[in-house]
Structure formats: structure tokens, C-alpha cells
Amino acid sequence: MKLRYLHLSDLHISQADWQNGDNNIFPARKSLVQLLQKITELKEKGQKNDFIIISGDLVWSGKKEEFEAAEDFCVKLLEAAGLSADRLYLVPGNHDIERKEVKPGHVKRWYAFDSQEDVAEVLSDPDLFPILMRKFEAFNQFSADVTGRTLFDSSAYHYAESLTLEKGGNPFKINLLALNSALFAGYDGDNKQLLSLGEEQVRRTCNQLDQSALLSLAFFHHPVECYHPSDHQNQQLLREKVDLILTGHLTNTTKAFSTENSSNSYLISSGTSSDNHERQQFFNQVEIDLTTGKGRVDFYSFEKQDWQPRKINPETTDGHFPFLIDKIQAEPLFPPLVPETNNRLDPLNKQNYDLIVSYSREDADWVKTELFPLLETSQTKSRIPFNILYIEGNSVDLNEITRKDL
């Protein structure tokens, strides 16, 4: 049984990307149209996602009219994915800011800091903080209209949620931490190591982690190279507390996936979904096996007027990045069918198997997307483990058959 989610970023929707026709607003930009089609295609192939994260820069310049267009796109996105509005999670990027609210005097007095103490002073000032948050008003209204969540206003600039999902009749929780990396954004050059998440924001969200959750994700817009040196300690704390960190604003695919030796977390970045931008165009689909804890990140890039799987990692045959969630491996939601100490059975002895499934390669997709989950659900409900032998292909050398896990 698997958990899947989509990670999009940097849509950069502007008024020019949308046009009126028969009183309906619809996307005119090819990449967005094809993106909706690709997500529908993944769902129809049995790869339905459990939720979607958009890590900022939904629009181009933070204007109300752009957010109205982005709202229509998000409605179509949820329809394509087969999800309800509460399964869409958003954070703002630097393009989602209404820059007219960032005055030159503000930048000199409040946006220039040398330490985390300076950051804390601004964010805790009851007079300054509401002024700092004015630039998010259009984004906040957009978020409330689309998802029902008011995210960042004069009283808050981050949020945490424990999402309850169910697989095979088993409920489980996922921690989702949404942080605002655009607090000190809004002027030219703001991403040149001049940003900060702030210690208070990181500690508050981490304190809201549900310790019973199977997985913890944090997401925000700017990647690690955009922050002031004093903020590095906050990001280290975050890496120690969560399993996955998702960002956008990516310009180099070599940084699309990474891990730190000093922690067990993985950093996953998404490129732009725009086709009028010089940055790398791609989105991510992340899949985690709830039996083994093994995960993979698959990248899709916009090439030849369509979204295609992209081979970013040269160390895997199809270019995906593998990772492992230790907590799921240690305490799987679904105990593995095969004991780790006896992972290979004698294929010539039928008594080793309760069920033998033989299928042609033409039927492989149906077996893997429909039959496998059905058998897996049957075992979960019965709570009686059984051994299955899968044989793919018309000609099989029984000496080479190895028992496979669901």
C-alpha cells in the first residue's frame, strides 16, 4: 500500500496566461493545460495522489486579478487529481507578494538584519508585524477562497496540520508544516542570502508535530541558498524534526534532491510549471511504500509540448531518486508479507505458497494497479498473512523466480 502526493511550484500565473471564452476562464498556456491532462492521466493509471502541495509563486506579481485566475486553475487541478479542496496545501513565494506594500523605508529599517535576534524583534513587534503582513492580503484571500484556510495574516505567519488518511482500512496521520519563507521578501535581490524563516517560526511549527504521525513534511518556497547565514541553525533544527522538506524556486536540477549527513531528512525541490520562464520546468510525484518505508521521487519535465518522465538521477535506470523513511521501516503501517529472515522461498515447492499468480506482460498493468491492491487489502482485513508467487511473462524459468512482496 502506497502514499502518493504531488509537489508543484512556481506556476507564475499572470493575466496574460488566461483568456475569456463563452464567459469561462480557462488556461491558455500550453504547459498548464498539459499539466492538468498529465495529472488526470496519472490518476487513471492507478496513481491517484492523496494530496497536493504547491510551494509558492502561484502568480506573477501578487495582484488580485492574477489570484482569481489561479483560483480557477486550482479548481481544475483538484478536479483532475480527484481531490477535495482540503487536500491542497499552499505557501506563498516572492511572486505572490503585493510589492507596493513593501516601501523603501521598510527595507532599510526592518528587512536588513544581522542576527536572529534582529529577526525576532521585527516579528514580535505588535506595531511592525501587521505592516509586514500587508503584502500577503491577496494571497490570504485566495487561500481562503480555494482551500478554506486563512494562512498568513496580522496574527500568524505559519501553520501546522495533522492530516488523517486511510489505506486498506488502517488510518494514519501525516504532519504537514507550512512555513513562510517570504516574510522578508519583496524587493530586488531579496533572495541573495537575505531571507530568514526565523527561529520562532521553526520552533512553533515543530512544537505542533503530532508524535504519533507516520510521516512529517515541511514545505516553503525558497531553497537553502537564499537565506541569511544566521538562519542556518533554524534549518538544521527543521531537518532534525521532519522527514521531508519541500521547496520551490529551483534553478538547477542538480539540487532537486539532496540529504544532509547530519540528519535523516531529505530535501526535495520543484522547478517551475511555467512555459515562459528560463528556469527548469518540472514537477514531482512522491511515492512512499507504507510497508517498507521505501520512497521515490519521480520528476516530470515539459518537453515537446508534453509532460514526460525525466531522468534526473543517473544512478537509477529510470532517473528517480530513492529514499527511506526509517520510522515506517521500523513500524510499518502494513507488516510485510515476507519475513526478512526468509526472503527467498523454493519456487519449485508449491507448498511454500498459498497463491500463485501467473500473468502475461500485456496484463501487467492491470495486475499491478488492480489485483495487487485487492490482494493486499484482503490480507489487511483478514490479518492472516499469506505467501504469493507472482510469475510475469509467458516463458518462465522457475529456477529464477523469487518471491515478491506486495
Protein backbone atom coordinates (compact mmCIF):
# COMPACT_ATOMS: atom_id res chain seq x y z
CA MET A 1 0.00 0.00 0.00
CA LYS A 2 1.41 3.35 -1.03
CA LEU A 3 1.10 7.02 -0.18
CA ARG A 4 1.43 9.49 -3.07
CA TYR A 5 1.44 13.24 -3.36
CA LEU A 6 2.14 15.87 -5.99
CA HIS A 7 4.61 18.70 -5.49
CA LEU A 8 4.15 21.70 -7.79
CA SER A 9 5.73 25.13 -7.64
CA ASP A 10 6.30 28.40 -9.49
CA LEU A 11 3.18 28.39 -11.67
CA HIS A 12 3.64 32.14 -12.27
CA ILE A 13 0.09 32.63 -13.49
CA SER A 14 -0.50 36.12 -14.91
CA GLN A 15 -3.50 37.73 -16.55
CA ALA A 16 -1.92 37.16 -19.96
CA ASP A 17 -2.00 33.39 -19.38
CA TRP A 18 -5.79 33.33 -19.28
CA GLN A 19 -8.43 34.34 -21.77
CA ASN A 20 -12.20 34.71 -21.86
CA GLY A 21 -14.30 32.41 -24.00
CA ASP A 22 -18.03 31.77 -23.63
CA ASN A 23 -17.82 33.58 -20.29
CA ASN A 24 -15.49 30.87 -18.95
CA ILE A 25 -11.95 31.50 -17.79
CA PHE A 26 -9.52 28.77 -18.80
CA PRO A 27 -5.73 28.42 -19.05
CA ALA A 28 -4.26 29.48 -22.36
CA ARG A 29 -0.70 28.46 -21.56
CA LYS A 30 0.21 25.08 -23.00
CA SER A 31 2.16 23.79 -20.01
CA LEU A 32 -0.74 24.34 -17.60
CA VAL A 33 -3.24 22.67 -19.91
CA GLN A 34 -0.92 19.71 -20.34
CA LEU A 35 -0.21 19.62 -16.61
CA LEU A 36 -3.90 19.07 -15.87
CA GLN A 37 -4.03 16.35 -18.51
CA LYS A 38 -0.95 14.60 -17.10
CA ILE A 39 -2.38 14.58 -13.56
CA THR A 40 -5.64 13.15 -14.90
CA GLU A 41 -3.63 10.51 -16.76
CA LEU A 42 -1.71 9.52 -13.61
CA LYS A 43 -4.98 9.14 -11.72
CA GLU A 44 -6.48 6.97 -14.45
CA LYS A 45 -3.37 4.75 -14.40
CA GLY A 46 -3.94 3.99 -10.73
CA GLN A 47 -1.50 6.61 -9.42
CA LYS A 48 -4.02 8.82 -7.67
CA ASN A 49 -2.42 11.25 -5.26
CA ASP A 50 -3.51 11.72 -1.66
CA PHE A 51 -2.79 15.45 -1.54
CA ILE A 52 -1.08 18.27 -3.43
CA ILE A 53 1.49 20.80 -2.24
CA ILE A 54 2.20 24.00 -4.17
CA SER A 55 5.33 25.57 -2.70
CA GLY A 56 4.80 29.18 -3.72
CA ASP A 57 4.82 31.57 -6.67
CA LEU A 58 1.35 30.65 -7.84
CA VAL A 59 1.05 34.03 -9.60
CA TRP A 60 3.40 36.51 -11.22
CA SER A 61 3.03 39.75 -9.27
CA GLY A 62 0.66 39.21 -6.34
CA LYS A 63 -2.29 41.04 -7.87
CA LYS A 64 -5.90 40.21 -7.04
CA GLU A 65 -6.78 39.60 -10.70
CA GLU A 66 -3.97 37.05 -11.00
CA PHE A 67 -5.17 35.18 -7.93
CA GLU A 68 -8.65 34.99 -9.44
CA ALA A 69 -7.12 33.21 -12.43
CA ALA A 70 -5.05 30.99 -10.12
CA GLU A 71 -8.18 30.08 -8.19
CA ASP A 72 -9.81 28.80 -11.38
CA PHE A 73 -6.69 26.79 -12.17
CA CYS A 74 -6.64 25.24 -8.68
CA VAL A 75 -10.28 24.18 -9.01
CA LYS A 76 -9.40 22.40 -12.26
CA LEU A 77 -6.28 20.94 -10.64
CA LEU A 78 -8.27 19.37 -7.80
CA GLU A 79 -10.80 18.03 -10.29
CA ALA A 80 -8.02 16.46 -12.37
CA ALA A 81 -6.49 14.86 -9.26
CA GLY A 82 -9.87 13.73 -7.88
CA LEU A 83 -9.31 15.52 -4.58
CA SER A 84 -11.32 17.81 -2.33
CA ALA A 85 -10.19 21.38 -1.61
CA ASP A 86 -8.85 20.50 1.85
CA ARG A 87 -6.21 18.25 0.22
CA LEU A 88 -4.49 21.25 -1.40
CA TYR A 89 -1.72 22.90 0.65
CA LEU A 90 -0.25 26.29 -0.23
CA VAL A 91 2.54 28.62 0.87
CA PRO A 92 3.48 31.99 -0.67
CA GLY A 93 6.58 32.78 -2.69
CA ASN A 94 8.19 36.09 -3.56
CA HIS A 95 5.95 36.47 -6.65
CA ASP A 96 2.81 36.11 -4.51
CA ILE A 97 3.65 39.34 -2.66
CA GLU A 98 1.98 42.63 -3.45
CA ARG A 99 5.21 44.59 -3.74
CA LYS A 100 3.63 48.02 -3.50
CA GLU A 101 3.20 47.26 0.20
CA VAL A 102 6.99 46.97 0.61
CA LYS A 103 8.23 50.55 0.92
CA PRO A 104 11.92 51.52 0.53
CA GLY A 105 11.89 52.73 4.12
CA HIS A 106 10.61 49.33 5.29
CA VAL A 107 13.50 47.57 3.57
CA LYS A 108 16.10 49.79 5.24
CA ARG A 109 14.62 49.55 8.73
CA TRP A 110 13.02 46.12 9.01
CA TYR A 111 14.31 43.92 6.21
CA ALA A 112 18.02 44.38 6.94
CA PHE A 113 19.13 42.16 9.81
CA ASP A 114 22.39 40.74 11.10
CA SER A 115 21.16 38.10 13.54
CA GLN A 116 18.20 36.03 14.62
CA GLU A 117 17.69 38.48 17.45
CA ASP A 118 17.01 41.18 14.85
CA VAL A 119 14.52 38.89 13.09
CA ALA A 120 12.73 38.07 16.34
CA GLU A 121 12.50 41.76 17.22
CA VAL A 122 10.65 42.58 13.99
CA LEU A 123 8.34 39.56 14.08
CA SER A 124 7.38 40.14 17.72
CA ASP A 125 6.72 43.88 17.41
CA PRO A 126 2.91 44.40 17.61
CA ASP A 127 3.12 47.57 15.54
CA LEU A 128 5.56 46.43 12.84
CA PHE A 129 4.28 42.90 12.28
CA PRO A 130 0.85 43.84 10.81
CA ILE A 131 2.59 46.19 8.37
CA LEU A 132 4.96 43.40 7.34
CA MET A 133 1.99 41.11 6.65
CA ARG A 134 0.00 43.50 4.43
CA LYS A 135 1.76 42.23 1.33
CA PHE A 136 0.09 38.81 1.81
CA GLU A 137 -3.52 40.07 1.85
CA ALA A 138 -4.37 39.00 -1.71
CA PHE A 139 -2.68 35.61 -1.20
CA ASN A 140 -4.58 35.07 2.06
CA GLN A 141 -7.91 35.78 0.41
CA PHE A 142 -7.02 33.43 -2.44
CA SER A 143 -6.10 30.65 0.00
CA ALA A 144 -9.33 31.13 1.97
CA ASP A 145 -11.41 31.02 -1.23
CA VAL A 146 -9.69 27.90 -2.60
CA THR A 147 -8.94 25.77 0.47
CA GLY A 148 -10.94 27.33 3.28
CA ARG A 149 -7.74 28.11 5.18
CA THR A 150 -6.67 31.64 6.11
CA LEU A 151 -2.94 31.18 6.33
CA PHE A 152 -0.91 34.29 6.98
CA ASP A 153 -2.47 37.42 8.45
CA SER A 154 -1.76 40.01 11.15
CA SER A 155 -1.70 37.32 13.83
CA ALA A 156 0.03 34.34 12.21
CA TYR A 157 2.64 33.58 9.57
CA HIS A 158 2.82 29.76 9.61
CA TYR A 159 0.56 26.78 10.19
CA ALA A 160 0.73 23.10 11.00
CA GLU A 161 -1.80 20.36 10.36
CA SER A 162 -2.04 16.68 11.18
CA LEU A 163 -3.72 15.09 8.16
CA THR A 164 -5.50 11.79 8.76
CA LEU A 165 -5.53 9.36 5.83
CA GLU A 166 -6.67 5.76 5.46
CA LYS A 167 -5.18 2.90 3.48
CA GLY A 168 -6.64 -0.60 3.46
CA GLY A 169 -8.88 0.25 6.40
CA ASN A 170 -5.95 1.49 8.50
CA PRO A 171 -5.98 5.19 9.50
CA PHE A 172 -2.71 7.05 9.94
CA LYS A 173 -1.52 10.64 10.31
CA ILE A 174 0.88 12.86 8.42
CA ASN A 175 2.31 16.10 9.82
CA LEU A 176 2.27 18.99 7.34
CA LEU A 177 4.22 22.10 8.36
CA ALA A 178 3.70 25.18 6.17
CA LEU A 179 6.33 27.86 6.72
CA ASN A 180 6.54 31.33 5.20
CA SER A 181 9.93 31.98 3.62
CA ALA A 182 8.73 35.24 2.02
CA LEU A 183 8.47 37.20 5.26
CA PHE A 184 11.43 39.37 4.31
CA ALA A 185 10.96 39.15 0.54
CA GLY A 186 9.56 41.83 -1.71
CA TYR A 187 12.45 43.79 -3.19
CA ASP A 188 15.12 43.19 -5.83
CA GLY A 189 17.93 40.95 -4.61
CA ASP A 190 15.98 39.67 -1.62
CA ASN A 191 16.95 36.05 -2.36
CA LYS A 192 20.71 36.66 -2.19
CA GLN A 193 21.16 35.25 1.31
CA LEU A 194 18.95 37.94 2.81
CA LEU A 195 15.89 35.89 3.82
CA SER A 196 15.00 34.16 7.08
CA LEU A 197 12.45 31.69 8.37
CA GLY A 198 13.15 32.87 11.89
CA GLU A 199 13.78 30.73 14.94
CA GLU A 200 10.34 31.41 16.41
CA GLN A 201 8.54 30.20 13.28
CA VAL A 202 10.53 26.98 13.09
CA ARG A 203 10.22 26.17 16.79
CA ARG A 204 6.49 26.90 16.90
CA THR A 205 5.69 24.67 13.96
CA CYS A 206 7.93 21.88 15.24
CA ASN A 207 6.21 22.07 18.63
CA GLN A 208 2.93 21.30 16.87
CA LEU A 209 4.17 18.00 15.46
CA ASP A 210 1.93 15.06 16.28
CA GLN A 211 4.37 12.47 17.60
CA SER A 212 2.07 9.63 16.59
CA ALA A 213 2.23 10.63 12.91
CA LEU A 214 3.76 8.20 10.44
CA LEU A 215 5.49 10.95 8.44
CA SER A 216 6.37 14.65 8.80
CA LEU A 217 6.72 17.08 5.89
CA ALA A 218 7.74 20.75 5.96
CA PHE A 219 7.33 22.98 2.93
CA PHE A 220 8.17 26.56 2.00
CA HIS A 221 9.18 28.42 -1.14
CA HIS A 222 12.87 29.36 -1.06
CA PRO A 223 15.69 26.77 -1.16
CA VAL A 224 18.51 26.79 1.37
CA GLU A 225 20.91 29.02 -0.59
CA CYS A 226 18.54 32.02 -0.31
CA TYR A 227 18.87 32.53 3.46
CA HIS A 228 20.97 34.71 5.68
CA PRO A 229 23.80 32.78 7.39
CA SER A 230 22.16 33.32 10.76
CA ASP A 231 19.16 31.27 9.59
CA HIS A 232 21.16 28.09 9.00
CA GLN A 233 20.63 26.98 12.60
CA ASN A 234 16.86 27.10 12.09
CA GLN A 235 17.00 24.95 9.01
CA GLN A 236 19.21 22.45 10.81
CA LEU A 237 16.60 22.23 13.58
CA LEU A 238 13.91 21.63 10.98
CA ARG A 239 15.93 18.86 9.33
CA GLU A 240 16.23 17.13 12.68
CA LYS A 241 12.46 17.18 13.24
CA VAL A 242 10.91 16.24 9.88
CA ASP A 243 11.39 13.55 7.26
CA LEU A 244 10.93 15.56 4.07
CA ILE A 245 11.49 19.26 3.27
CA LEU A 246 9.91 20.59 0.07
CA THR A 247 10.86 23.86 -1.62
CA GLY A 248 10.39 25.60 -4.96
CA HIS A 249 12.26 28.44 -6.69
CA LEU A 250 14.67 25.92 -8.20
CA THR A 251 17.04 26.99 -10.96
CA ASN A 252 19.37 23.97 -11.09
CA THR A 253 18.15 20.37 -11.35
CA THR A 254 21.33 19.07 -9.70
CA LYS A 255 19.82 20.42 -6.46
CA ALA A 256 16.41 18.82 -6.99
CA PHE A 257 17.09 16.15 -4.36
CA SER A 258 19.59 16.04 -1.51
CA THR A 259 20.15 14.84 2.02
CA GLU A 260 22.33 16.02 4.87
CA ASN A 261 24.76 13.70 6.58
CA SER A 262 23.88 15.28 9.91
CA SER A 263 20.18 14.40 9.70
CA ASN A 264 17.72 11.86 8.35
CA SER A 265 15.67 14.34 6.33
CA TYR A 266 15.54 14.71 2.57
CA LEU A 267 15.31 17.97 0.65
CA ILE A 268 13.12 17.84 -2.46
CA SER A 269 12.77 20.85 -4.75
CA SER A 270 10.43 21.54 -7.64
CA GLY A 271 11.08 23.65 -10.71
CA THR A 272 8.62 25.92 -12.44
CA SER A 273 5.47 24.66 -14.11
CA SER A 274 5.56 27.68 -16.40
CA ASP A 275 6.48 27.51 -20.08
CA ASN A 276 7.50 31.16 -20.37
CA HIS A 277 10.38 31.08 -17.93
CA GLU A 278 14.07 30.33 -18.20
CA ARG A 279 14.11 28.05 -15.18
CA GLN A 280 13.92 24.27 -15.32
CA GLN A 281 10.34 23.16 -15.94
CA PHE A 282 9.31 20.15 -13.90
CA PHE A 283 7.05 18.91 -11.13
CA ASN A 284 7.45 15.98 -8.75
CA GLN A 285 5.40 12.98 -7.76
CA VAL A 286 6.49 11.37 -4.50
CA GLU A 287 5.54 7.81 -3.58
CA ILE A 288 6.14 6.05 -0.24
CA ASP A 289 5.56 2.35 0.41
CA LEU A 290 3.81 2.09 3.78
CA THR A 291 5.04 -1.48 4.22
CA THR A 292 8.77 -0.95 3.72
CA GLY A 293 9.28 2.80 4.18
CA LYS A 294 10.91 2.98 0.76
CA GLY A 295 10.15 6.14 -1.17
CA ARG A 296 10.86 7.54 -4.60
CA VAL A 297 10.72 10.95 -6.26
CA ASP A 298 9.75 10.95 -9.93
CA PHE A 299 10.32 14.10 -11.97
CA TYR A 300 8.21 15.20 -14.94
CA SER A 301 9.52 17.89 -17.28
CA PHE A 302 7.75 19.80 -20.05
CA GLU A 303 9.36 18.66 -23.29
CA LYS A 304 7.99 18.58 -26.85
CA GLN A 305 4.76 20.21 -25.68
CA ASP A 306 4.03 17.50 -23.12
CA TRP A 307 4.95 16.50 -19.57
CA GLN A 308 7.29 13.50 -19.69
CA PRO A 309 9.19 11.49 -17.04
CA ARG A 310 12.66 12.98 -16.73
CA LYS A 311 15.80 11.05 -15.81
CA ILE A 312 17.50 13.33 -13.30
CA ASN A 313 19.30 10.74 -11.19
CA PRO A 314 21.96 8.91 -13.24
CA GLU A 315 22.26 6.19 -10.59
CA THR A 316 18.80 4.70 -11.28
CA THR A 317 17.58 3.24 -14.55
CA ASP A 318 14.53 5.48 -14.84
CA GLY A 319 16.10 8.55 -13.21
CA HIS A 320 14.08 8.63 -9.97
CA PHE A 321 15.58 9.40 -6.56
CA PRO A 322 15.09 6.72 -3.86
CA PHE A 323 14.89 7.41 -0.14
CA LEU A 324 13.94 5.60 3.06
CA ILE A 325 11.68 6.70 5.93
CA ASP A 326 13.19 4.97 8.96
CA LYS A 327 10.08 5.26 11.15
CA ILE A 328 7.90 3.46 8.60
CA GLN A 329 10.55 0.80 8.08
CA ALA A 330 10.73 0.20 11.84
CA GLU A 331 6.96 0.35 12.43
CA PRO A 332 5.21 -0.27 9.09
CA LEU A 333 1.53 0.50 8.75
CA PHE A 334 1.18 -2.81 6.90
CA PRO A 335 3.52 -5.58 8.13
CA PRO A 336 5.43 -7.08 5.20
CA LEU A 337 4.17 -10.42 3.90
CA VAL A 338 7.67 -11.84 3.63
CA PRO A 339 9.75 -12.35 6.79
CA GLU A 340 13.04 -10.50 6.33
CA THR A 341 14.95 -13.53 7.58
CA ASN A 342 13.46 -15.78 4.89
CA ASN A 343 13.03 -13.58 1.85
CA ARG A 344 13.58 -16.33 -0.73
CA LEU A 345 11.42 -19.41 -0.94
CA ASP A 346 11.87 -22.50 -3.04
CA PRO A 347 9.82 -21.75 -6.20
CA LEU A 348 9.64 -25.44 -7.11
CA ASN A 349 7.82 -26.34 -3.90
CA LYS A 350 4.18 -25.30 -4.30
CA GLN A 351 3.60 -25.89 -0.59
CA ASN A 352 5.54 -22.68 0.10
CA TYR A 353 2.77 -20.60 -1.49
CA ASP A 354 -0.86 -20.01 -0.68
CA LEU A 355 -1.49 -18.36 -4.04
CA ILE A 356 0.28 -18.40 -7.40
CA VAL A 357 -0.50 -15.62 -9.87
CA SER A 358 0.69 -16.08 -13.45
CA TYR A 359 0.05 -13.30 -15.95
CA SER A 360 1.23 -12.08 -19.33
CA ARG A 361 3.19 -8.90 -19.80
CA GLU A 362 0.18 -7.42 -21.58
CA ASP A 363 -1.81 -7.76 -18.34
CA ALA A 364 0.99 -6.49 -16.10
CA ASP A 365 -0.50 -3.01 -15.60
CA TRP A 366 -3.89 -4.43 -14.56
CA VAL A 367 -2.28 -6.91 -12.17
CA LYS A 368 -0.10 -4.25 -10.53
CA THR A 369 -2.71 -1.48 -10.30
CA GLU A 370 -5.83 -3.51 -9.52
CA LEU A 371 -5.09 -7.08 -8.47
CA PHE A 372 -2.12 -6.33 -6.20
CA PRO A 373 -4.04 -3.71 -4.12
CA LEU A 374 -7.07 -6.03 -3.91
CA LEU A 375 -4.99 -8.90 -2.53
CA GLU A 376 -3.17 -6.52 -0.21
CA THR A 377 -6.48 -5.20 1.17
CA SER A 378 -7.77 -8.75 1.62
CA GLN A 379 -4.78 -9.66 3.75
CA THR A 380 -5.06 -6.46 5.81
CA LYS A 381 -8.73 -7.10 6.60
CA SER A 382 -8.24 -10.77 7.39
CA ARG A 383 -4.98 -10.11 9.29
CA ILE A 384 -3.83 -13.54 8.10
CA PRO A 385 -0.51 -13.42 6.23
CA PHE A 386 -0.24 -15.50 3.09
CA ASN A 387 2.55 -16.14 0.61
CA ILE A 388 2.10 -15.18 -3.02
CA LEU A 389 4.18 -16.17 -6.03
CA TYR A 390 3.95 -13.78 -8.99
CA ILE A 391 5.02 -15.02 -12.41
CA GLU A 392 5.18 -12.47 -15.23
CA GLY A 393 5.67 -13.48 -18.84
CA ASN A 394 4.74 -16.44 -20.99
CA SER A 395 8.05 -18.22 -20.60
CA VAL A 396 9.38 -18.57 -17.06
CA ASP A 397 12.46 -20.29 -15.68
CA LEU A 398 11.25 -21.48 -12.28
CA ASN A 399 14.82 -21.57 -11.01
CA GLU A 400 14.96 -17.78 -11.33
CA ILE A 401 11.67 -17.00 -9.59
CA THR A 402 12.00 -15.03 -6.37
CA ARG A 403 9.09 -14.39 -4.08
CA LYS A 404 7.97 -10.76 -4.32
CA ASP A 405 6.40 -8.58 -1.66
CA LEU A 406 3.29 -6.56 -2.25
